């Protein structure tokens, strides 16, 4: 069980690093098509984080929510 939690934590750290990397003006350097799909992936990840958080608050699962979506510039768009 601890091994799964460690793997999940590592994955969350990598995803968080990816968000920071692309939001650190890296998106501006990419082609329009690339930006469109990367932003779609990021929105979907945020949606899943919110859903996980909501389920965990209702006692329906363990939360791995990292809280990043509140500070993300893509939060302006509804997920």
Protein backbone atom coordinates (compact mmCIF):
# COMPACT_ATOMS: atom_id res chain seq x y z
CA UNK A 1 0.00 0.00 0.00
CA UNK A 2 2.80 2.40 0.89
CA UNK A 3 4.46 1.64 -2.43
CA UNK A 4 1.29 2.62 -4.33
CA UNK A 5 1.05 5.86 -2.34
CA UNK A 6 4.68 6.62 -3.15
CA UNK A 7 4.12 5.96 -6.86
CA UNK A 8 0.99 8.15 -6.79
CA UNK A 9 2.92 10.91 -5.04
CA UNK A 10 5.71 10.73 -7.63
CA UNK A 11 3.16 10.89 -10.46
CA UNK A 12 1.40 13.87 -8.89
CA UNK A 13 4.76 15.62 -8.50
CA UNK A 14 5.57 15.02 -12.17
CA UNK A 15 2.17 16.31 -13.29
CA UNK A 16 2.55 19.36 -11.07
CA UNK A 17 6.02 20.00 -12.52
CA UNK A 18 4.52 19.73 -16.01
CA UNK A 19 1.85 22.30 -15.18
CA UNK A 20 4.49 24.67 -13.84
CA UNK A 21 6.73 24.09 -16.86
CA UNK A 22 4.04 24.84 -19.42
CA UNK A 23 2.48 27.69 -17.48
CA UNK A 24 5.91 29.27 -17.08
CA UNK A 25 5.46 30.83 -20.53
CA UNK A 26 6.47 27.64 -22.35
CA UNK A 27 3.03 27.50 -23.96
CA UNK A 28 3.75 30.76 -25.75
CA UNK A 29 6.66 29.13 -27.59
CA UNK A 30 4.61 26.27 -29.03
CA UNK A 31 2.51 25.99 -32.17
CA UNK A 32 -1.16 26.84 -31.83
CA UNK A 33 -2.27 23.23 -32.31
CA UNK A 34 0.11 22.02 -29.61
CA UNK A 35 -1.12 24.65 -27.17
CA UNK A 36 -4.75 23.73 -27.85
CA UNK A 37 -4.21 20.07 -27.00
CA UNK A 38 -1.93 20.68 -24.03
CA UNK A 39 -4.48 23.09 -22.56
CA UNK A 40 -7.21 20.48 -23.14
CA UNK A 41 -5.14 17.89 -21.25
CA UNK A 42 -4.54 20.36 -18.42
CA UNK A 43 -8.25 21.20 -18.16
CA UNK A 44 -9.11 17.51 -18.02
CA UNK A 45 -6.54 16.89 -15.28
CA UNK A 46 -8.00 19.80 -13.32
CA UNK A 47 -11.48 18.36 -13.79
CA UNK A 48 -10.31 14.98 -12.47
CA UNK A 49 -8.61 16.64 -9.50
CA UNK A 50 -11.78 18.51 -8.60
CA UNK A 51 -13.84 15.35 -8.94
CA UNK A 52 -11.37 13.39 -6.78
CA UNK A 53 -11.43 16.13 -4.17
CA UNK A 54 -15.23 16.25 -4.19
CA UNK A 55 -15.50 12.47 -3.85
CA UNK A 56 -12.97 12.40 -1.03
CA UNK A 57 -14.86 15.12 0.86
CA UNK A 58 -17.99 12.98 0.59
CA UNK A 59 -16.11 9.99 1.96
CA UNK A 60 -16.09 8.12 -1.34
CA UNK A 61 -12.34 7.80 -1.85
CA UNK A 62 -8.86 8.87 -0.92
CA UNK A 63 -7.87 12.28 -2.17
CA UNK A 64 -4.68 12.94 -4.04
CA UNK A 65 -5.81 16.48 -4.79
CA UNK A 66 -2.86 18.82 -4.84
CA UNK A 67 -4.78 22.10 -4.81
CA UNK A 68 -3.00 23.48 -7.86
CA UNK A 69 -6.16 24.39 -9.79
CA UNK A 70 -6.89 27.40 -7.62
CA UNK A 71 -3.68 29.04 -8.80
CA UNK A 72 -3.78 27.95 -12.41
CA UNK A 73 -4.37 30.54 -15.09
CA UNK A 74 -6.61 28.06 -16.91
CA UNK A 75 -9.07 28.16 -14.00
CA UNK A 76 -10.76 31.08 -15.76
CA UNK A 77 -12.31 28.59 -18.16
CA UNK A 78 -15.06 26.43 -16.78
CA UNK A 79 -14.14 22.76 -16.68
